Amino acid sequence: MAFTAQDVKALRDRTGLGMMDCKKALEENDGDIEKAGDWLRKKGMLAAAKKADRIAAEGIVEAYIHPGGRVGVLIEVNCETDFVGKTEGFQRLVREIAMHCAAHDPQPCFVRRDEVTQDFIEKEKEIARAQAEATGKPANIVEKIVEGKLNSIYKDSCLYEQAFVMNQDVTVEQYISQKTAEMGEKLTVRRFVKWTMGEGLEKRKDDFVAEVAAQMAGN
């Protein structure tokens, strides 16, 4: 069953969830609003939405170093109470998200779409537009291609929109929503940073053949 923008709005008004979540729910349920609402409830997202306005100022900062010591992540995840912040379940959640960040390559990487900088967007638009124009397509088609490319970039560069590495059927945001329902508190990723060994450094590029030849000539 097809659905319209009005259906998305109706589900959004009913649940208080974001447009993308409502659209996904309708896609998964053939455009049926009632079934989409039940699907969101099963995912725990309605419970999370009800807690959205509550303050989450407790939590932990977790450091994760991937085996081999070449990738590291420092992340802050918040909850509402110090009690939940000390539970095994919450700490496991934080570690899992840190591991996801370590496994995901694109940089820069933002937590949410509203954090994406204008400079980043304009740069990606410029690249996408140049690529589309090179195909010789009309201007109106080029702009549609650029818009589609941007949506793809958001899904790749925003932590909350990425498919969770431990369960590709849900996004990171949906996984956190499930845990919010389980723990009964608002949970949110505040910030994180990822380091990759040698990132930004000029790599040494040796010409092995030339080096051997030079050594032989010197003997």
C-alpha atoms as a PDB file:
ATOM      1  CA  MET A   1       0.000   0.000   0.000  1.00  0.00           C
ATOM      2  CA  ALA A   2       1.383   3.414  -0.978  1.00  0.00           C
ATOM      3  CA  PHE A   3       1.462   6.254   1.530  1.00  0.00           C
ATOM      4  CA  THR A   4       1.682  10.025   1.259  1.00  0.00           C
ATOM      5  CA  ALA A   5       3.442  12.864   3.027  1.00  0.00           C
ATOM      6  CA  GLN A   6       0.167  13.478   4.856  1.00  0.00           C
ATOM      7  CA  ASP A   7       0.292   9.929   6.232  1.00  0.00           C
ATOM      8  CA  VAL A   8       3.820  10.568   7.509  1.00  0.00           C
ATOM      9  CA  LYS A   9       2.640  13.803   9.145  1.00  0.00           C
ATOM     10  CA  ALA A  10      -0.370  12.054  10.692  1.00  0.00           C
ATOM     11  CA  LEU A  11       1.856   9.378  12.228  1.00  0.00           C
ATOM     12  CA  ARG A  12       4.303  12.007  13.367  1.00  0.00           C
ATOM     13  CA  ASP A  13       1.530  14.013  15.063  1.00  0.00           C
ATOM     14  CA  ARG A  14       0.260  10.859  16.724  1.00  0.00           C
ATOM     15  CA  THR A  15       3.611   9.609  18.019  1.00  0.00           C
ATOM     16  CA  GLY A  16       5.796  12.711  18.370  1.00  0.00           C
ATOM     17  CA  LEU A  17       8.603  10.930  16.539  1.00  0.00           C
ATOM     18  CA  GLY A  18      10.753  12.325  13.747  1.00  0.00           C
ATOM     19  CA  MET A  19       9.776  12.276  10.089  1.00  0.00           C
ATOM     20  CA  MET A  20      12.385   9.664   9.118  1.00  0.00           C
ATOM     21  CA  ASP A  21      11.251   7.269  11.861  1.00  0.00           C
ATOM     22  CA  CYS A  22       7.607   7.638  10.803  1.00  0.00           C
ATOM     23  CA  LYS A  23       8.462   7.142   7.145  1.00  0.00           C
ATOM     24  CA  LYS A  24      10.438   3.999   7.980  1.00  0.00           C
ATOM     25  CA  ALA A  25       7.539   2.645  10.048  1.00  0.00           C
ATOM     26  CA  LEU A  26       5.091   3.187   7.168  1.00  0.00           C
ATOM     27  CA  GLU A  27       7.486   1.563   4.696  1.00  0.00           C
ATOM     28  CA  GLU A  28       7.761  -1.485   6.943  1.00  0.00           C
ATOM     29  CA  ASN A  29       3.968  -1.771   7.268  1.00  0.00           C
ATOM     30  CA  ASP A  30       2.731  -1.094   3.723  1.00  0.00           C
ATOM     31  CA  GLY A  31       1.501   2.396   4.588  1.00  0.00           C
ATOM     32  CA  ASP A  32      -0.884   1.211   7.334  1.00  0.00           C
ATOM     33  CA  ILE A  33      -0.802   3.887  10.065  1.00  0.00           C
ATOM     34  CA  GLU A  34      -2.227   1.644  12.799  1.00  0.00           C
ATOM     35  CA  LYS A  35       0.256  -1.129  12.103  1.00  0.00           C
ATOM     36  CA  ALA A  36       3.059   1.440  11.841  1.00  0.00           C
ATOM     37  CA  GLY A  37       2.165   2.725  15.307  1.00  0.00           C
ATOM     38  CA  ASP A  38       2.251  -0.810  16.715  1.00  0.00           C
ATOM     39  CA  TRP A  39       5.596  -1.422  14.976  1.00  0.00           C
ATOM     40  CA  LEU A  40       7.060   1.687  16.606  1.00  0.00           C
ATOM     41  CA  ARG A  41       5.716   0.590  19.983  1.00  0.00           C
ATOM     42  CA  LYS A  42       7.365  -2.826  19.623  1.00  0.00           C
ATOM     43  CA  LYS A  43      10.638  -1.126  18.751  1.00  0.00           C
ATOM     44  CA  GLY A  44      10.385   0.835  21.995  1.00  0.00           C
ATOM     45  CA  MET A  45      10.481   4.126  20.137  1.00  0.00           C
ATOM     46  CA  LEU A  46       7.217   5.508  21.525  1.00  0.00           C
ATOM     47  CA  ALA A  47       8.479   5.036  25.060  1.00  0.00           C
ATOM     48  CA  ALA A  48      11.660   6.863  24.081  1.00  0.00           C
ATOM     49  CA  ALA A  49       9.689   9.725  22.520  1.00  0.00           C
ATOM     50  CA  LYS A  50       7.774  10.277  25.770  1.00  0.00           C
ATOM     51  CA  LYS A  51      11.090  10.731  27.566  1.00  0.00           C
ATOM     52  CA  ALA A  52      12.568  13.044  24.938  1.00  0.00           C
ATOM     53  CA  ASP A  53      12.012  16.227  26.969  1.00  0.00           C
ATOM     54  CA  ARG A  54      13.494  14.839  30.157  1.00  0.00           C
ATOM     55  CA  ILE A  55      16.995  15.870  31.230  1.00  0.00           C
ATOM     56  CA  ALA A  56      19.831  13.361  30.864  1.00  0.00           C
ATOM     57  CA  ALA A  57      22.886  14.779  32.603  1.00  0.00           C
ATOM     58  CA  GLU A  58      24.358  11.671  34.205  1.00  0.00           C
ATOM     59  CA  GLY A  59      26.166   8.794  32.493  1.00  0.00           C
ATOM     60  CA  ILE A  60      29.742   7.863  31.705  1.00  0.00           C
ATOM     61  CA  VAL A  61      32.644   8.619  29.416  1.00  0.00           C
ATOM     62  CA  GLU A  62      33.980   5.414  27.875  1.00  0.00           C
ATOM     63  CA  ALA A  63      37.309   4.813  26.153  1.00  0.00           C
ATOM     64  CA  TYR A  64      37.497   1.947  23.685  1.00  0.00           C
ATOM     65  CA  ILE A  65      40.755   0.833  22.054  1.00  0.00           C
ATOM     66  CA  HIS A  66      40.370  -1.702  19.271  1.00  0.00           C
ATOM     67  CA  PRO A  67      42.701  -4.748  19.503  1.00  0.00           C
ATOM     68  CA  GLY A  68      45.987  -3.863  17.849  1.00  0.00           C
ATOM     69  CA  GLY A  69      45.947  -0.339  19.192  1.00  0.00           C
ATOM     70  CA  ARG A  70      45.375   1.380  15.833  1.00  0.00           C
ATOM     71  CA  VAL A  71      41.857   2.732  16.448  1.00  0.00           C
ATOM     72  CA  GLY A  72      40.460   4.388  19.566  1.00  0.00           C
ATOM     73  CA  VAL A  73      37.170   6.030  20.528  1.00  0.00           C
ATOM     74  CA  LEU A  74      36.252   8.328  23.420  1.00  0.00           C
ATOM     75  CA  ILE A  75      32.497   8.704  23.879  1.00  0.00           C
ATOM     76  CA  GLU A  76      30.082  10.321  26.336  1.00  0.00           C
ATOM     77  CA  VAL A  77      26.639   8.739  26.744  1.00  0.00           C
ATOM     78  CA  ASN A  78      24.106  10.290  29.111  1.00  0.00           C
ATOM     79  CA  CYS A  79      21.227   8.948  31.198  1.00  0.00           C
ATOM     80  CA  GLU A  80      18.972  10.558  33.801  1.00  0.00           C
ATOM     81  CA  THR A  81      20.324   9.092  37.050  1.00  0.00           C
ATOM     82  CA  ASP A  82      23.657   8.070  38.475  1.00  0.00           C
ATOM     83  CA  PHE A  83      22.053   4.768  39.485  1.00  0.00           C
ATOM     84  CA  VAL A  84      21.360   3.738  35.862  1.00  0.00           C
ATOM     85  CA  GLY A  85      24.757   5.091  34.796  1.00  0.00           C
ATOM     86  CA  LYS A  86      26.411   2.514  37.056  1.00  0.00           C
ATOM     87  CA  THR A  87      24.393  -0.466  35.870  1.00  0.00           C
ATOM     88  CA  GLU A  88      25.946  -3.218  33.801  1.00  0.00           C
ATOM     89  CA  GLY A  89      23.315  -2.819  31.094  1.00  0.00           C
ATOM     90  CA  PHE A  90      24.010   0.874  30.576  1.00  0.00           C
ATOM     91  CA  GLN A  91      27.772   0.396  30.562  1.00  0.00           C
ATOM     92  CA  ARG A  92      27.408  -2.422  28.041  1.00  0.00           C
ATOM     93  CA  LEU A  93      25.333  -0.125  25.822  1.00  0.00           C
ATOM     94  CA  VAL A  94      27.999   2.579  25.940  1.00  0.00           C
ATOM     95  CA  ARG A  95      30.721   0.104  25.036  1.00  0.00           C
ATOM     96  CA  GLU A  96      28.676  -1.285  22.149  1.00  0.00           C
ATOM     97  CA  ILE A  97      28.163   2.193  20.706  1.00  0.00           C
ATOM     98  CA  ALA A  98      31.881   2.956  21.138  1.00  0.00           C
ATOM     99  CA  MET A  99      32.696  -0.240  19.243  1.00  0.00           C
ATOM    100  CA  HIS A 100      30.263   0.803  16.502  1.00  0.00           C
ATOM    101  CA  CYS A 101      32.051   4.158  16.199  1.00  0.00           C
ATOM    102  CA  ALA A 102      35.399   2.380  15.942  1.00  0.00           C
ATOM    103  CA  ALA A 103      34.082   0.142  13.165  1.00  0.00           C
ATOM    104  CA  HIS A 104      32.544   2.952  11.112  1.00  0.00           C
ATOM    105  CA  ASP A 105      34.980   4.673   8.766  1.00  0.00           C
ATOM    106  CA  PRO A 106      33.500   7.921   7.343  1.00  0.00           C
ATOM    107  CA  GLN A 107      34.933  11.120   8.794  1.00  0.00           C
ATOM    108  CA  PRO A 108      33.871  13.602   9.937  1.00  0.00           C
ATOM    109  CA  CYS A 109      31.084  11.857  11.797  1.00  0.00           C
ATOM    110  CA  PHE A 110      28.319  13.713  13.627  1.00  0.00           C
ATOM    111  CA  VAL A 111      25.904  12.446  16.267  1.00  0.00           C
ATOM    112  CA  ARG A 112      22.730  13.898  14.728  1.00  0.00           C
ATOM    113  CA  ARG A 113      21.721  15.518  11.455  1.00  0.00           C
ATOM    114  CA  ASP A 114      21.251  18.945  13.064  1.00  0.00           C
ATOM    115  CA  GLU A 115      24.947  18.941  14.056  1.00  0.00           C
ATOM    116  CA  VAL A 116      26.194  18.684  10.465  1.00  0.00           C
ATOM    117  CA  THR A 117      28.099  21.867   9.640  1.00  0.00           C
ATOM    118  CA  GLN A 118      27.094  24.089   6.729  1.00  0.00           C
ATOM    119  CA  ASP A 119      30.647  23.949   5.353  1.00  0.00           C
ATOM    120  CA  PHE A 120      30.454  20.153   5.208  1.00  0.00           C
ATOM    121  CA  ILE A 121      27.065  20.242   3.471  1.00  0.00           C
ATOM    122  CA  GLU A 122      28.156  22.808   0.881  1.00  0.00           C
ATOM    123  CA  LYS A 123      31.328  20.880   0.101  1.00  0.00           C
ATOM    124  CA  GLU A 124      29.400  17.635  -0.411  1.00  0.00           C
ATOM    125  CA  LYS A 125      26.788  19.442  -2.521  1.00  0.00           C
ATOM    126  CA  GLU A 126      29.517  20.862  -4.737  1.00  0.00           C
ATOM    127  CA  ILE A 127      31.062  17.431  -5.283  1.00  0.00           C
ATOM    128  CA  ALA A 128      27.692  15.748  -5.919  1.00  0.00           C
ATOM    129  CA  ARG A 129      26.603  18.505  -8.321  1.00  0.00           C
ATOM    130  CA  ALA A 130      29.828  18.297 -10.318  1.00  0.00           C
ATOM    131  CA  GLN A 131      29.477  14.527 -10.627  1.00  0.00           C
ATOM    132  CA  ALA A 132      25.833  14.809 -11.721  1.00  0.00           C
ATOM    133  CA  GLU A 133      26.513  17.598 -14.229  1.00  0.00           C
ATOM    134  CA  ALA A 134      29.252  15.478 -15.804  1.00  0.00           C
ATOM    135  CA  THR A 135      26.549  13.016 -16.901  1.00  0.00           C
ATOM    136  CA  GLY A 136      24.912  15.707 -19.039  1.00  0.00           C
ATOM    137  CA  LYS A 137      21.546  15.447 -17.295  1.00  0.00           C
ATOM    138  CA  PRO A 138      19.126  18.453 -17.147  1.00  0.00           C
ATOM    139  CA  ALA A 139      19.466  20.921 -14.254  1.00  0.00           C
ATOM    140  CA  ASN A 140      16.268  19.770 -12.504  1.00  0.00           C
ATOM    141  CA  ILE A 141      17.469  16.152 -12.562  1.00  0.00           C
ATOM    142  CA  VAL A 142      20.902  17.230 -11.318  1.00  0.00           C
ATOM    143  CA  GLU A 143      19.311  18.864  -8.258  1.00  0.00           C
ATOM    144  CA  LYS A 144      17.305  15.712  -7.495  1.00  0.00           C
ATOM    145  CA  ILE A 145      20.496  13.671  -7.712  1.00  0.00           C
ATOM    146  CA  VAL A 146      22.253  16.107  -5.363  1.00  0.00           C
ATOM    147  CA  GLU A 147      19.376  15.870  -2.868  1.00  0.00           C
ATOM    148  CA  GLY A 148      19.461  12.083  -2.980  1.00  0.00           C
ATOM    149  CA  LYS A 149      23.211  12.088  -2.495  1.00  0.00           C
ATOM    150  CA  LEU A 150      22.885  14.350   0.539  1.00  0.00           C
ATOM    151  CA  ASN A 151      20.373  11.992   2.170  1.00  0.00           C
ATOM    152  CA  SER A 152      22.834   9.152   1.630  1.00  0.00           C
ATOM    153  CA  ILE A 153      25.638  11.235   3.152  1.00  0.00           C
ATOM    154  CA  TYR A 154      23.516  12.039   6.202  1.00  0.00           C
ATOM    155  CA  LYS A 155      22.846   8.338   6.760  1.00  0.00           C
ATOM    156  CA  ASP A 156      26.551   7.606   6.526  1.00  0.00           C
ATOM    157  CA  SER A 157      27.909  10.557   8.505  1.00  0.00           C
ATOM    158  CA  CYS A 158      25.348  10.875  11.317  1.00  0.00           C
ATOM    159  CA  LEU A 159      25.795   8.307  14.080  1.00  0.00           C
ATOM    160  CA  TYR A 160      22.091   8.093  14.907  1.00  0.00           C
ATOM    161  CA  GLU A 161      21.167   7.306  11.277  1.00  0.00           C
ATOM    162  CA  GLN A 162      23.786   4.590  10.719  1.00  0.00           C
ATOM    163  CA  ALA A 163      22.826   0.915  10.688  1.00  0.00           C
ATOM    164  CA  PHE A 164      23.987  -0.499  14.014  1.00  0.00           C
ATOM    165  CA  VAL A 165      26.979  -2.771  13.365  1.00  0.00           C
ATOM    166  CA  MET A 166      25.728  -5.441  15.779  1.00  0.00           C
ATOM    167  CA  ASN A 167      22.222  -5.486  14.274  1.00  0.00           C
ATOM    168  CA  GLN A 168      21.933  -4.098  10.748  1.00  0.00           C
ATOM    169  CA  ASP A 169      18.126  -4.180  10.947  1.00  0.00           C
ATOM    170  CA  VAL A 170      18.041  -1.119  13.229  1.00  0.00           C
ATOM    171  CA  THR A 171      19.764   2.252  13.290  1.00  0.00           C
ATOM    172  CA  VAL A 172      21.868   3.365  16.244  1.00  0.00           C
ATOM    173  CA  GLU A 173      19.022   5.696  17.245  1.00  0.00           C
ATOM    174  CA  GLN A 174      16.495   2.854  17.169  1.00  0.00           C
ATOM    175  CA  TYR A 175      18.804   0.660  19.246  1.00  0.00           C
ATOM    176  CA  ILE A 176      19.180   3.425  21.838  1.00  0.00           C
ATOM    177  CA  SER A 177      15.385   3.836  21.831  1.00  0.00           C
ATOM    178  CA  GLN A 178      14.983   0.135  22.594  1.00  0.00           C
ATOM    179  CA  LYS A 179      17.387   0.460  25.518  1.00  0.00           C
ATOM    180  CA  THR A 180      15.572   3.596  26.691  1.00  0.00           C
ATOM    181  CA  ALA A 181      12.365   1.557  26.917  1.00  0.00           C
ATOM    182  CA  GLU A 182      14.162  -1.259  28.764  1.00  0.00           C
ATOM    183  CA  MET A 183      15.940   0.968  31.295  1.00  0.00           C
ATOM    184  CA  GLY A 184      13.097   3.463  31.757  1.00  0.00           C
ATOM    185  CA  GLU A 185      15.307   6.510  31.336  1.00  0.00           C
ATOM    186  CA  LYS A 186      16.207   8.883  28.548  1.00  0.00           C
ATOM    187  CA  LEU A 187      19.516   7.781  27.011  1.00  0.00           C
ATOM    188  CA  THR A 188      21.478   9.883  24.567  1.00  0.00           C
ATOM    189  CA  VAL A 189      24.907  10.098  22.971  1.00  0.00           C
ATOM    190  CA  ARG A 190      26.279  13.558  23.663  1.00  0.00           C
ATOM    191  CA  ARG A 191      29.582  13.452  21.773  1.00  0.00           C
ATOM    192  CA  PHE A 192      32.413  11.229  20.650  1.00  0.00           C
ATOM    193  CA  VAL A 193      35.744  11.379  18.904  1.00  0.00           C
ATOM    194  CA  LYS A 194      37.599   8.692  16.974  1.00  0.00           C
ATOM    195  CA  TRP A 195      41.336   8.449  16.444  1.00  0.00           C
ATOM    196  CA  THR A 196      42.997   6.296  13.802  1.00  0.00           C
ATOM    197  CA  MET A 197      46.714   5.605  14.063  1.00  0.00           C
ATOM    198  CA  GLY A 198      48.681   7.843  11.683  1.00  0.00           C
ATOM    199  CA  GLU A 199      45.602   9.740  10.498  1.00  0.00           C
ATOM    200  CA  GLY A 200      46.593  13.092   9.003  1.00  0.00           C
ATOM    201  CA  LEU A 201      50.284  12.266   8.872  1.00  0.00           C
ATOM    202  CA  GLU A 202      52.208  12.108   5.636  1.00  0.00           C
ATOM    203  CA  LYS A 203      53.042   8.472   5.035  1.00  0.00           C
ATOM    204  CA  ARG A 204      56.544   7.467   4.006  1.00  0.00           C
ATOM    205  CA  LYS A 205      56.585   6.187   0.452  1.00  0.00           C
ATOM    206  CA  ASP A 206      59.727   4.212  -0.217  1.00  0.00           C
ATOM    207  CA  ASP A 207      60.727   3.095  -3.681  1.00  0.00           C
ATOM    208  CA  PHE A 208      62.087  -0.318  -2.728  1.00  0.00           C
ATOM    209  CA  VAL A 209      63.561  -1.058  -6.161  1.00  0.00           C
ATOM    210  CA  ALA A 210      65.380   2.309  -6.281  1.00  0.00           C
ATOM    211  CA  GLU A 211      66.636   1.806  -2.740  1.00  0.00           C
ATOM    212  CA  VAL A 212      68.119  -1.618  -3.566  1.00  0.00           C
ATOM    213  CA  ALA A 213      69.668  -0.242  -6.757  1.00  0.00           C
ATOM    214  CA  ALA A 214      71.264   2.604  -4.818  1.00  0.00           C
ATOM    215  CA  GLN A 215      72.670   0.201  -2.253  1.00  0.00           C
ATOM    216  CA  MET A 216      74.109  -2.039  -4.974  1.00  0.00           C
ATOM    217  CA  ALA A 217      75.682   0.926  -6.726  1.00  0.00           C
ATOM    218  CA  GLY A 218      77.358   1.935  -3.507  1.00  0.00           C
ATOM    219  CA  ASN A 219      78.982  -1.481  -2.967  1.00  0.00           C
END
